[in-house]
């Protein structure tokens, strides 16, 4: 499972970087940048929840919206956090249930 999850994250990485190339070709990038930022923020928030970071409830699914020029860097940082997390776990630990900070007001909103 550990290898499968890692490969899935790396496949996602490849596809999302292809998407960044396409976004770069757009004249109006704002909407795409917002949704790509959401991908980064979501990965960061889920990791914070799994790691039981006390700041997790305060983290936004939608903010910050990164400047286009910082999207790939922000994505890479988020991805590396997940890859490192997976690599630090044994196969048995991957299957353990993780408790996380639950939903907070506004978690489902799309501002």
PDB file of N, CA and C in Angstrom:
ATOM      1  N   UNK A   1       0.822  -1.197   0.000  1.00  0.00           N
ATOM      2  CA  UNK A   1       0.000   0.000   0.000  1.00  0.00           C
ATOM      3  C   UNK A   1       0.867   1.262   0.000  1.00  0.00           C
ATOM      4  N   UNK A   2       1.950   1.211   0.751  1.00  0.00           N
ATOM      5  CA  UNK A   2       2.848   2.366   0.841  1.00  0.00           C
ATOM      6  C   UNK A   2       3.370   2.741  -0.551  1.00  0.00           C
ATOM      7  N   UNK A   3       3.814   1.736  -1.301  1.00  0.00           N
ATOM      8  CA  UNK A   3       4.324   1.987  -2.648  1.00  0.00           C
ATOM      9  C   UNK A   3       3.212   2.499  -3.569  1.00  0.00           C
ATOM     10  N   UNK A   4       2.042   1.916  -3.452  1.00  0.00           N
ATOM     11  CA  UNK A   4       0.901   2.341  -4.264  1.00  0.00           C
ATOM     12  C   UNK A   4       0.563   3.812  -3.995  1.00  0.00           C
ATOM     13  N   UNK A   5       0.494   4.177  -2.732  1.00  0.00           N
ATOM     14  CA  UNK A   5       0.161   5.566  -2.382  1.00  0.00           C
ATOM     15  C   UNK A   5       1.230   6.533  -2.880  1.00  0.00           C
ATOM     16  N   UNK A   6       2.485   6.147  -2.726  1.00  0.00           N
ATOM     17  CA  UNK A   6       3.573   6.998  -3.208  1.00  0.00           C
ATOM     18  C   UNK A   6       3.484   7.167  -4.719  1.00  0.00           C
ATOM     19  N   UNK A   7       3.263   6.080  -5.426  1.00  0.00           N
ATOM     20  CA  UNK A   7       3.137   6.153  -6.886  1.00  0.00           C
ATOM     21  C   UNK A   7       1.937   7.002  -7.294  1.00  0.00           C
ATOM     22  N   UNK A   8       0.860   6.929  -6.544  1.00  0.00           N
ATOM     23  CA  UNK A   8      -0.330   7.741  -6.836  1.00  0.00           C
ATOM     24  C   UNK A   8      -0.020   9.226  -6.664  1.00  0.00           C
ATOM     25  N   UNK A   9       0.675   9.569  -5.585  1.00  0.00           N
ATOM     26  CA  UNK A   9       1.067  10.966  -5.386  1.00  0.00           C
ATOM     27  C   UNK A   9       1.990  11.442  -6.508  1.00  0.00           C
ATOM     28  N   UNK A  10       2.912  10.590  -6.934  1.00  0.00           N
ATOM     29  CA  UNK A  10       3.843  10.980  -8.001  1.00  0.00           C
ATOM     30  C   UNK A  10       3.139  11.102  -9.348  1.00  0.00           C
ATOM     31  N   UNK A  11       2.157  10.250  -9.602  1.00  0.00           N
ATOM     32  CA  UNK A  11       1.360  10.378 -10.826  1.00  0.00           C
ATOM     33  C   UNK A  11       0.583  11.693 -10.792  1.00  0.00           C
ATOM     34  N   UNK A  12      -0.040  11.978  -9.653  1.00  0.00           N
ATOM     35  CA  UNK A  12      -0.762  13.238  -9.470  1.00  0.00           C
ATOM     36  C   UNK A  12       0.164  14.419  -9.722  1.00  0.00           C
ATOM     37  N   UNK A  13       1.376  14.326  -9.209  1.00  0.00           N
ATOM     38  CA  UNK A  13       2.371  15.373  -9.387  1.00  0.00           C
ATOM     39  C   UNK A  13       2.623  15.633 -10.870  1.00  0.00           C
ATOM     40  N   UNK A  14       2.828  14.575 -11.611  1.00  0.00           N
ATOM     41  CA  UNK A  14       3.091  14.698 -13.044  1.00  0.00           C
ATOM     42  C   UNK A  14       1.923  15.364 -13.769  1.00  0.00           C
ATOM     43  N   UNK A  15       0.719  14.924 -13.470  1.00  0.00           N
ATOM     44  CA  UNK A  15      -0.463  15.480 -14.132  1.00  0.00           C
ATOM     45  C   UNK A  15      -0.690  16.944 -13.733  1.00  0.00           C
ATOM     46  N   UNK A  16      -0.488  17.250 -12.464  1.00  0.00           N
ATOM     47  CA  UNK A  16      -0.685  18.630 -12.021  1.00  0.00           C
ATOM     48  C   UNK A  16       0.360  19.575 -12.612  1.00  0.00           C
ATOM     49  N   UNK A  17       1.574  19.087 -12.808  1.00  0.00           N
ATOM     50  CA  UNK A  17       2.588  19.929 -13.449  1.00  0.00           C
ATOM     51  C   UNK A  17       2.257  20.144 -14.926  1.00  0.00           C
ATOM     52  N   UNK A  18       1.665  19.145 -15.569  1.00  0.00           N
ATOM     53  CA  UNK A  18       1.164  19.349 -16.937  1.00  0.00           C
ATOM     54  C   UNK A  18       0.065  20.407 -16.939  1.00  0.00           C
ATOM     55  N   UNK A  19      -0.788  20.357 -15.928  1.00  0.00           N
ATOM     56  CA  UNK A  19      -1.860  21.347 -15.833  1.00  0.00           C
ATOM     57  C   UNK A  19      -1.281  22.750 -15.654  1.00  0.00           C
ATOM     58  N   UNK A  20      -0.217  22.878 -14.863  1.00  0.00           N
ATOM     59  CA  UNK A  20       0.417  24.193 -14.676  1.00  0.00           C
ATOM     60  C   UNK A  20       0.931  24.751 -15.998  1.00  0.00           C
ATOM     61  N   UNK A  21       1.464  23.884 -16.848  1.00  0.00           N
ATOM     62  CA  UNK A  21       1.928  24.335 -18.166  1.00  0.00           C
ATOM     63  C   UNK A  21       0.760  24.885 -18.983  1.00  0.00           C
ATOM     64  N   UNK A  22      -0.379  24.213 -18.912  1.00  0.00           N
ATOM     65  CA  UNK A  22      -1.564  24.675 -19.649  1.00  0.00           C
ATOM     66  C   UNK A  22      -2.100  25.976 -19.061  1.00  0.00           C
ATOM     67  N   UNK A  23      -2.113  26.073 -17.740  1.00  0.00           N
ATOM     68  CA  UNK A  23      -2.574  27.310 -17.089  1.00  0.00           C
ATOM     69  C   UNK A  23      -1.699  28.481 -17.523  1.00  0.00           C
ATOM     70  N   UNK A  24      -0.413  28.237 -17.655  1.00  0.00           N
ATOM     71  CA  UNK A  24       0.515  29.293 -18.051  1.00  0.00           C
ATOM     72  C   UNK A  24       0.185  29.856 -19.432  1.00  0.00           C
ATOM     73  N   UNK A  25      -0.443  29.061 -20.269  1.00  0.00           N
ATOM     74  CA  UNK A  25      -0.799  29.506 -21.620  1.00  0.00           C
ATOM     75  C   UNK A  25      -2.058  30.385 -21.648  1.00  0.00           C
ATOM     76  N   UNK A  26      -2.802  30.419 -20.556  1.00  0.00           N
ATOM     77  CA  UNK A  26      -4.042  31.192 -20.511  1.00  0.00           C
ATOM     78  C   UNK A  26      -3.762  32.680 -20.340  1.00  0.00           C
ATOM     79  N   UNK A  27      -4.619  33.485 -20.936  1.00  0.00           N
ATOM     80  CA  UNK A  27      -4.487  34.928 -20.722  1.00  0.00           C
ATOM     81  C   UNK A  27      -5.084  35.319 -19.371  1.00  0.00           C
ATOM     82  N   UNK A  28      -6.176  34.679 -18.984  1.00  0.00           N
ATOM     83  CA  UNK A  28      -6.791  34.927 -17.681  1.00  0.00           C
ATOM     84  C   UNK A  28      -6.624  33.671 -16.823  1.00  0.00           C
ATOM     85  N   UNK A  29      -5.665  33.710 -15.915  1.00  0.00           N
ATOM     86  CA  UNK A  29      -5.318  32.561 -15.105  1.00  0.00           C
ATOM     87  C   UNK A  29      -6.032  32.528 -13.759  1.00  0.00           C
ATOM     88  N   UNK A  30      -6.707  33.584 -13.386  1.00  0.00           N
ATOM     89  CA  UNK A  30      -7.193  33.775 -12.014  1.00  0.00           C
ATOM     90  C   UNK A  30      -8.002  32.592 -11.478  1.00  0.00           C
ATOM     91  N   UNK A  31      -8.979  32.117 -12.227  1.00  0.00           N
ATOM     92  CA  UNK A  31      -9.810  31.017 -11.755  1.00  0.00           C
ATOM     93  C   UNK A  31      -9.011  29.740 -11.562  1.00  0.00           C
ATOM     94  N   UNK A  32      -8.150  29.440 -12.515  1.00  0.00           N
ATOM     95  CA  UNK A  32      -7.322  28.234 -12.432  1.00  0.00           C
ATOM     96  C   UNK A  32      -6.332  28.328 -11.280  1.00  0.00           C
ATOM     97  N   UNK A  33      -5.769  29.500 -11.073  1.00  0.00           N
ATOM     98  CA  UNK A  33      -4.825  29.699  -9.972  1.00  0.00           C
ATOM     99  C   UNK A  33      -5.536  29.485  -8.642  1.00  0.00           C
ATOM    100  N   UNK A  34      -6.765  29.968  -8.540  1.00  0.00           N
ATOM    101  CA  UNK A  34      -7.545  29.786  -7.310  1.00  0.00           C
ATOM    102  C   UNK A  34      -7.742  28.301  -7.027  1.00  0.00           C
ATOM    103  N   UNK A  35      -8.140  27.530  -8.029  1.00  0.00           N
ATOM    104  CA  UNK A  35      -8.409  26.111  -7.813  1.00  0.00           C
ATOM    105  C   UNK A  35      -7.132  25.301  -7.621  1.00  0.00           C
ATOM    106  N   UNK A  36      -6.060  25.682  -8.281  1.00  0.00           N
ATOM    107  CA  UNK A  36      -4.794  24.981  -8.055  1.00  0.00           C
ATOM    108  C   UNK A  36      -4.280  25.291  -6.651  1.00  0.00           C
ATOM    109  N   UNK A  37      -4.443  26.523  -6.202  1.00  0.00           N
ATOM    110  CA  UNK A  37      -4.075  26.885  -4.831  1.00  0.00           C
ATOM    111  C   UNK A  37      -4.881  26.047  -3.840  1.00  0.00           C
ATOM    112  N   UNK A  38      -6.142  25.805  -4.164  1.00  0.00           N
ATOM    113  CA  UNK A  38      -7.000  24.966  -3.318  1.00  0.00           C
ATOM    114  C   UNK A  38      -6.417  23.555  -3.189  1.00  0.00           C
ATOM    115  N   UNK A  39      -5.868  23.004  -4.273  1.00  0.00           N
ATOM    116  CA  UNK A  39      -5.225  21.684  -4.204  1.00  0.00           C
ATOM    117  C   UNK A  39      -4.073  21.698  -3.199  1.00  0.00           C
ATOM    118  N   UNK A  40      -3.243  22.713  -3.283  1.00  0.00           N
ATOM    119  CA  UNK A  40      -2.100  22.835  -2.371  1.00  0.00           C
ATOM    120  C   UNK A  40      -2.597  22.979  -0.937  1.00  0.00           C
ATOM    121  N   UNK A  41      -3.536  23.895  -0.728  1.00  0.00           N
ATOM    122  CA  UNK A  41      -4.051  24.146   0.618  1.00  0.00           C
ATOM    123  C   UNK A  41      -4.730  22.917   1.201  1.00  0.00           C
ATOM    124  N   UNK A  42      -5.435  22.173   0.370  1.00  0.00           N
ATOM    125  CA  UNK A  42      -6.120  20.962   0.841  1.00  0.00           C
ATOM    126  C   UNK A  42      -5.111  19.909   1.284  1.00  0.00           C
ATOM    127  N   UNK A  43      -4.069  19.706   0.497  1.00  0.00           N
ATOM    128  CA  UNK A  43      -3.033  18.747   0.905  1.00  0.00           C
ATOM    129  C   UNK A  43      -2.392  19.179   2.220  1.00  0.00           C
ATOM    130  N   UNK A  44      -2.125  20.475   2.348  1.00  0.00           N
ATOM    131  CA  UNK A  44      -1.506  20.986   3.571  1.00  0.00           C
ATOM    132  C   UNK A  44      -2.433  20.825   4.770  1.00  0.00           C
ATOM    133  N   UNK A  45      -3.710  21.112   4.577  1.00  0.00           N
ATOM    134  CA  UNK A  45      -4.656  21.019   5.696  1.00  0.00           C
ATOM    135  C   UNK A  45      -4.858  19.572   6.123  1.00  0.00           C
ATOM    136  N   UNK A  46      -4.979  18.656   5.159  1.00  0.00           N
ATOM    137  CA  UNK A  46      -5.148  17.247   5.517  1.00  0.00           C
ATOM    138  C   UNK A  46      -3.916  16.725   6.254  1.00  0.00           C
ATOM    139  N   UNK A  47      -2.738  17.116   5.816  1.00  0.00           N
ATOM    140  CA  UNK A  47      -1.533  16.679   6.525  1.00  0.00           C
ATOM    141  C   UNK A  47      -1.519  17.244   7.929  1.00  0.00           C
ATOM    142  N   UNK A  48      -1.882  18.503   8.083  1.00  0.00           N
ATOM    143  CA  UNK A  48      -1.930  19.108   9.417  1.00  0.00           C
ATOM    144  C   UNK A  48      -2.927  18.374  10.307  1.00  0.00           C
ATOM    145  N   UNK A  49      -4.044  17.955   9.748  1.00  0.00           N
ATOM    146  CA  UNK A  49      -5.035  17.192  10.511  1.00  0.00           C
ATOM    147  C   UNK A  49      -4.464  15.838  10.937  1.00  0.00           C
ATOM    148  N   UNK A  50      -3.839  15.140  10.013  1.00  0.00           N
ATOM    149  CA  UNK A  50      -3.267  13.828  10.324  1.00  0.00           C
ATOM    150  C   UNK A  50      -2.163  13.952  11.369  1.00  0.00           C
ATOM    151  N   UNK A  51      -1.366  14.998  11.263  1.00  0.00           N
ATOM    152  CA  UNK A  51      -0.271  15.231  12.207  1.00  0.00           C
ATOM    153  C   UNK A  51      -0.773  15.822  13.521  1.00  0.00           C
ATOM    154  N   UNK A  52      -2.049  16.037  13.625  1.00  0.00           N
ATOM    155  CA  UNK A  52      -2.702  16.618  14.807  1.00  0.00           C
ATOM    156  C   UNK A  52      -2.101  17.967  15.180  1.00  0.00           C
ATOM    157  N   UNK A  53      -1.839  18.757  14.157  1.00  0.00           N
ATOM    158  CA  UNK A  53      -1.337  20.115  14.350  1.00  0.00           C
ATOM    159  C   UNK A  53      -2.475  20.962  14.916  1.00  0.00           C
ATOM    160  N   UNK A  54      -2.212  21.627  16.008  1.00  0.00           N
ATOM    161  CA  UNK A  54      -3.253  22.430  16.662  1.00  0.00           C
ATOM    162  C   UNK A  54      -3.739  23.586  15.787  1.00  0.00           C
ATOM    163  N   UNK A  55      -2.975  23.959  14.776  1.00  0.00           N
ATOM    164  CA  UNK A  55      -3.363  25.048  13.875  1.00  0.00           C
ATOM    165  C   UNK A  55      -4.265  24.558  12.737  1.00  0.00           C
ATOM    166  N   UNK A  56      -4.453  23.259  12.607  1.00  0.00           N
ATOM    167  CA  UNK A  56      -5.234  22.701  11.496  1.00  0.00           C
ATOM    168  C   UNK A  56      -6.627  23.323  11.368  1.00  0.00           C
ATOM    169  N   UNK A  57      -7.374  23.509  12.477  1.00  0.00           N
ATOM    170  CA  UNK A  57      -8.714  24.085  12.320  1.00  0.00           C
ATOM    171  C   UNK A  57      -8.706  25.512  11.760  1.00  0.00           C
ATOM    172  N   UNK A  58      -7.616  26.221  11.961  1.00  0.00           N
ATOM    173  CA  UNK A  58      -7.520  27.602  11.493  1.00  0.00           C
ATOM    174  C   UNK A  58      -7.114  27.685  10.020  1.00  0.00           C
ATOM    175  N   UNK A  59      -6.600  26.599   9.489  1.00  0.00           N
ATOM    176  CA  UNK A  59      -6.120  26.616   8.104  1.00  0.00           C
ATOM    177  C   UNK A  59      -7.301  26.641   7.155  1.00  0.00           C
ATOM    178  N   UNK A  60      -7.140  27.383   6.084  1.00  0.00           N
ATOM    179  CA  UNK A  60      -8.194  27.523   5.080  1.00  0.00           C
ATOM    180  C   UNK A  60      -7.986  26.530   3.947  1.00  0.00           C
ATOM    181  N   UNK A  61      -9.096  26.058   3.404  1.00  0.00           N
ATOM    182  CA  UNK A  61      -9.038  25.230   2.204  1.00  0.00           C
ATOM    183  C   UNK A  61      -8.734  26.096   0.984  1.00  0.00           C
ATOM    184  N   UNK A  62      -9.056  27.382   1.067  1.00  0.00           N
ATOM    185  CA  UNK A  62      -9.030  28.265  -0.110  1.00  0.00           C
ATOM    186  C   UNK A  62      -7.974  29.346  -0.079  1.00  0.00           C
ATOM    187  N   UNK A  63      -7.471  29.668   1.080  1.00  0.00           N
ATOM    188  CA  UNK A  63      -6.465  30.725   1.195  1.00  0.00           C
ATOM    189  C   UNK A  63      -5.191  30.160   1.794  1.00  0.00           C
ATOM    190  N   UNK A  64      -4.057  30.622   1.378  1.00  0.00           N
ATOM    191  CA  UNK A  64      -3.870  31.709   0.432  1.00  0.00           C
ATOM    192  C   UNK A  64      -4.062  31.247  -1.012  1.00  0.00           C
ATOM    193  N   UNK A  65      -4.320  32.218  -1.862  1.00  0.00           N
ATOM    194  CA  UNK A  65      -4.267  31.992  -3.308  1.00  0.00           C
ATOM    195  C   UNK A  65      -2.862  32.445  -3.702  1.00  0.00           C
ATOM    196  N   UNK A  66      -2.079  31.501  -4.171  1.00  0.00           N
ATOM    197  CA  UNK A  66      -0.675  31.768  -4.479  1.00  0.00           C
ATOM    198  C   UNK A  66      -0.546  32.500  -5.809  1.00  0.00           C
ATOM    199  N   UNK A  67       0.439  33.359  -5.953  1.00  0.00           N
ATOM    200  CA  UNK A  67       0.703  33.933  -7.278  1.00  0.00           C
ATOM    201  C   UNK A  67       1.087  32.778  -8.215  1.00  0.00           C
ATOM    202  N   UNK A  68       0.730  32.893  -9.472  1.00  0.00           N
ATOM    203  CA  UNK A  68       1.024  31.821 -10.420  1.00  0.00           C
ATOM    204  C   UNK A  68       2.496  31.413 -10.352  1.00  0.00           C
ATOM    205  N   UNK A  69       3.373  32.385 -10.217  1.00  0.00           N
ATOM    206  CA  UNK A  69       4.815  32.125 -10.211  1.00  0.00           C
ATOM    207  C   UNK A  69       5.251  31.281  -9.009  1.00  0.00           C
ATOM    208  N   UNK A  70       4.433  31.206  -7.969  1.00  0.00           N
ATOM    209  CA  UNK A  70       4.766  30.441  -6.760  1.00  0.00           C
ATOM    210  C   UNK A  70       4.001  29.116  -6.673  1.00  0.00           C
ATOM    211  N   UNK A  71       3.118  28.858  -7.623  1.00  0.00           N
ATOM    212  CA  UNK A  71       2.289  27.648  -7.538  1.00  0.00           C
ATOM    213  C   UNK A  71       3.104  26.362  -7.563  1.00  0.00           C
ATOM    214  N   UNK A  72       4.028  26.252  -8.490  1.00  0.00           N
ATOM    215  CA  UNK A  72       4.786  25.008  -8.587  1.00  0.00           C
ATOM    216  C   UNK A  72       5.623  24.782  -7.332  1.00  0.00           C
ATOM    217  N   UNK A  73       6.254  25.816  -6.842  1.00  0.00           N
ATOM    218  CA  UNK A  73       7.042  25.706  -5.612  1.00  0.00           C
ATOM    219  C   UNK A  73       6.159  25.285  -4.436  1.00  0.00           C
ATOM    220  N   UNK A  74       4.986  25.909  -4.314  1.00  0.00           N
ATOM    221  CA  UNK A  74       4.060  25.572  -3.228  1.00  0.00           C
ATOM    222  C   UNK A  74       3.562  24.143  -3.367  1.00  0.00           C
ATOM    223  N   UNK A  75       3.269  23.743  -4.594  1.00  0.00           N
ATOM    224  CA  UNK A  75       2.840  22.370  -4.857  1.00  0.00           C
ATOM    225  C   UNK A  75       3.945  21.387  -4.458  1.00  0.00           C
ATOM    226  N   UNK A  76       5.181  21.670  -4.882  1.00  0.00           N
ATOM    227  CA  UNK A  76       6.306  20.779  -4.581  1.00  0.00           C
ATOM    228  C   UNK A  76       6.499  20.608  -3.075  1.00  0.00           C
ATOM    229  N   UNK A  77       6.380  21.691  -2.328  1.00  0.00           N
ATOM    230  CA  UNK A  77       6.523  21.625  -0.870  1.00  0.00           C
ATOM    231  C   UNK A  77       5.432  20.757  -0.260  1.00  0.00           C
ATOM    232  N   UNK A  78       4.205  20.954  -0.725  1.00  0.00           N
ATOM    233  CA  UNK A  78       3.081  20.170  -0.225  1.00  0.00           C
ATOM    234  C   UNK A  78       3.256  18.693  -0.559  1.00  0.00           C
ATOM    235  N   UNK A  79       3.634  18.413  -1.788  1.00  0.00           N
ATOM    236  CA  UNK A  79       3.851  17.039  -2.225  1.00  0.00           C
ATOM    237  C   UNK A  79       4.959  16.381  -1.410  1.00  0.00           C
ATOM    238  N   UNK A  80       6.061  17.091  -1.216  1.00  0.00           N
ATOM    239  CA  UNK A  80       7.192  16.515  -0.489  1.00  0.00           C
ATOM    240  C   UNK A  80       6.810  16.166   0.944  1.00  0.00           C
ATOM    241  N   UNK A  81       5.947  16.962   1.550  1.00  0.00           N
ATOM    242  CA  UNK A  81       5.482  16.663   2.906  1.00  0.00           C
ATOM    243  C   UNK A  81       4.780  15.310   2.931  1.00  0.00           C
ATOM    244  N   UNK A  82       3.934  15.054   1.942  1.00  0.00           N
ATOM    245  CA  UNK A  82       3.218  13.781   1.874  1.00  0.00           C
ATOM    246  C   UNK A  82       4.153  12.620   1.563  1.00  0.00           C
ATOM    247  N   UNK A  83       5.066  12.804   0.626  1.00  0.00           N
ATOM    248  CA  UNK A  83       6.010  11.747   0.273  1.00  0.00           C
ATOM    249  C   UNK A  83       6.871  11.404   1.490  1.00  0.00           C
ATOM    250  N   UNK A  84       7.360  12.413   2.176  1.00  0.00           N
ATOM    251  CA  UNK A  84       8.171  12.186   3.381  1.00  0.00           C
ATOM    252  C   UNK A  84       7.368  11.459   4.455  1.00  0.00           C
ATOM    253  N   UNK A  85       6.121  11.866   4.608  1.00  0.00           N
ATOM    254  CA  UNK A  85       5.248  11.206   5.582  1.00  0.00           C
ATOM    255  C   UNK A  85       5.106   9.722   5.248  1.00  0.00           C
ATOM    256  N   UNK A  86       4.808   9.414   3.996  1.00  0.00           N
ATOM    257  CA  UNK A  86       4.648   8.021   3.590  1.00  0.00           C
ATOM    258  C   UNK A  86       5.941   7.234   3.774  1.00  0.00           C
ATOM    259  N   UNK A  87       7.054   7.840   3.427  1.00  0.00           N
ATOM    260  CA  UNK A  87       8.334   7.149   3.560  1.00  0.00           C
ATOM    261  C   UNK A  87       8.706   6.889   5.016  1.00  0.00           C
ATOM    262  N   UNK A  88       8.198   7.726   5.909  1.00  0.00           N
ATOM    263  CA  UNK A  88       8.530   7.573   7.329  1.00  0.00           C
ATOM    264  C   UNK A  88       7.703   6.484   8.010  1.00  0.00           C
ATOM    265  N   UNK A  89       6.699   5.967   7.328  1.00  0.00           N
ATOM    266  CA  UNK A  89       5.796   4.970   7.912  1.00  0.00           C
ATOM    267  C   UNK A  89       6.124   3.566   7.427  1.00  0.00           C
ATOM    268  N   UNK A  90       5.881   2.614   8.305  1.00  0.00           N
ATOM    269  CA  UNK A  90       5.974   1.222   7.886  1.00  0.00           C
ATOM    270  C   UNK A  90       4.672   0.862   7.176  1.00  0.00           C
ATOM    271  N   UNK A  91       4.691  -0.281   6.533  1.00  0.00           N
ATOM    272  CA  UNK A  91       3.472  -0.755   5.860  1.00  0.00           C
ATOM    273  C   UNK A  91       2.326  -0.897   6.868  1.00  0.00           C
ATOM    274  N   UNK A  92       2.605  -1.425   8.048  1.00  0.00           N
ATOM    275  CA  UNK A  92       1.567  -1.576   9.073  1.00  0.00           C
ATOM    276  C   UNK A  92       1.043  -0.219   9.541  1.00  0.00           C
ATOM    277  N   UNK A  93       1.940   0.742   9.688  1.00  0.00           N
ATOM    278  CA  UNK A  93       1.524   2.072  10.147  1.00  0.00           C
ATOM    279  C   UNK A  93       0.621   2.760   9.130  1.00  0.00           C
ATOM    280  N   UNK A  94       0.816   2.453   7.855  1.00  0.00           N
ATOM    281  CA  UNK A  94      -0.041   3.040   6.811  1.00  0.00           C
ATOM    282  C   UNK A  94      -1.502   2.659   7.040  1.00  0.00           C
ATOM    283  N   UNK A  95      -1.722   1.467   7.560  1.00  0.00           N
ATOM    284  CA  UNK A  95      -3.087   0.969   7.760  1.00  0.00           C
ATOM    285  C   UNK A  95      -3.705   1.391   9.094  1.00  0.00           C
ATOM    286  N   UNK A  96      -2.927   2.009   9.972  1.00  0.00           N
ATOM    287  CA  UNK A  96      -3.470   2.460  11.246  1.00  0.00           C
ATOM    288  C   UNK A  96      -4.412   3.638  11.036  1.00  0.00           C
ATOM    289  N   UNK A  97      -5.446   3.682  11.844  1.00  0.00           N
ATOM    290  CA  UNK A  97      -6.364   4.819  11.774  1.00  0.00           C
ATOM    291  C   UNK A  97      -5.678   6.036  12.371  1.00  0.00           C
ATOM    292  N   UNK A  98      -5.907   7.166  11.742  1.00  0.00           N
ATOM    293  CA  UNK A  98      -5.352   8.426  12.239  1.00  0.00           C
ATOM    294  C   UNK A  98      -6.497   9.289  12.722  1.00  0.00           C
ATOM    295  N   UNK A  99      -6.378   9.802  13.915  1.00  0.00           N
ATOM    296  CA  UNK A  99      -7.362  10.751  14.406  1.00  0.00           C
ATOM    297  C   UNK A  99      -6.947  12.125  13.924  1.00  0.00           C
ATOM    298  N   UNK A 100      -7.938  12.948  13.609  1.00  0.00           N
ATOM    299  CA  UNK A 100      -7.601  14.295  13.188  1.00  0.00           C
ATOM    300  C   UNK A 100      -8.619  15.265  13.730  1.00  0.00           C
ATOM    301  N   UNK A 101      -8.240  16.510  13.753  1.00  0.00           N
ATOM    302  CA  UNK A 101      -9.133  17.565  14.189  1.00  0.00           C
ATOM    303  C   UNK A 101     -10.297  17.620  13.227  1.00  0.00           C
ATOM    304  N   UNK A 102     -11.506  17.619  13.749  1.00  0.00           N
ATOM    305  CA  UNK A 102     -12.697  17.548  12.916  1.00  0.00           C
ATOM    306  C   UNK A 102     -13.022  18.819  12.171  1.00  0.00           C
ATOM    307  N   UNK A 103     -14.185  18.798  11.596  1.00  0.00           N
ATOM    308  CA  UNK A 103     -14.644  19.927  10.795  1.00  0.00           C
ATOM    309  C   UNK A 103     -14.810  21.175  11.644  1.00  0.00           C
ATOM    310  N   UNK A 104     -14.532  22.291  11.018  1.00  0.00           N
ATOM    311  CA  UNK A 104     -14.738  23.579  11.655  1.00  0.00           C
ATOM    312  C   UNK A 104     -15.714  24.380  10.806  1.00  0.00           C
ATOM    313  N   UNK A 105     -16.263  25.399  11.368  1.00  0.00           N
ATOM    314  CA  UNK A 105     -17.193  26.249  10.643  1.00  0.00           C
ATOM    315  C   UNK A 105     -16.508  26.768   9.377  1.00  0.00           C
ATOM    316  N   UNK A 106     -17.198  26.661   8.270  1.00  0.00           N
ATOM    317  CA  UNK A 106     -16.656  27.174   7.011  1.00  0.00           C
ATOM    318  C   UNK A 106     -15.863  26.152   6.228  1.00  0.00           C
ATOM    319  N   UNK A 107     -15.679  24.946   6.757  1.00  0.00           N
ATOM    320  CA  UNK A 107     -14.883  23.943   6.042  1.00  0.00           C
ATOM    321  C   UNK A 107     -15.467  23.594   4.683  1.00  0.00           C
ATOM    322  N   UNK A 108     -16.756  23.668   4.517  1.00  0.00           N
ATOM    323  CA  UNK A 108     -17.335  23.273   3.251  1.00  0.00           C
ATOM    324  C   UNK A 108     -17.573  24.429   2.297  1.00  0.00           C
ATOM    325  N   UNK A 109     -17.248  25.624   2.708  1.00  0.00           N
ATOM    326  CA  UNK A 109     -17.593  26.795   1.891  1.00  0.00           C
ATOM    327  C   UNK A 109     -16.555  27.063   0.826  1.00  0.00           C
ATOM    328  N   UNK A 110     -16.984  27.654  -0.271  1.00  0.00           N
ATOM    329  CA  UNK A 110     -16.087  27.894  -1.403  1.00  0.00           C
ATOM    330  C   UNK A 110     -15.821  29.367  -1.643  1.00  0.00           C
ATOM    331  N   UNK A 111     -16.104  30.203  -0.728  1.00  0.00           N
ATOM    332  CA  UNK A 111     -15.890  31.669  -0.865  1.00  0.00           C
ATOM    333  C   UNK A 111     -15.638  32.095  -2.274  1.00  0.00           C
TER     334      UNK A 111
END
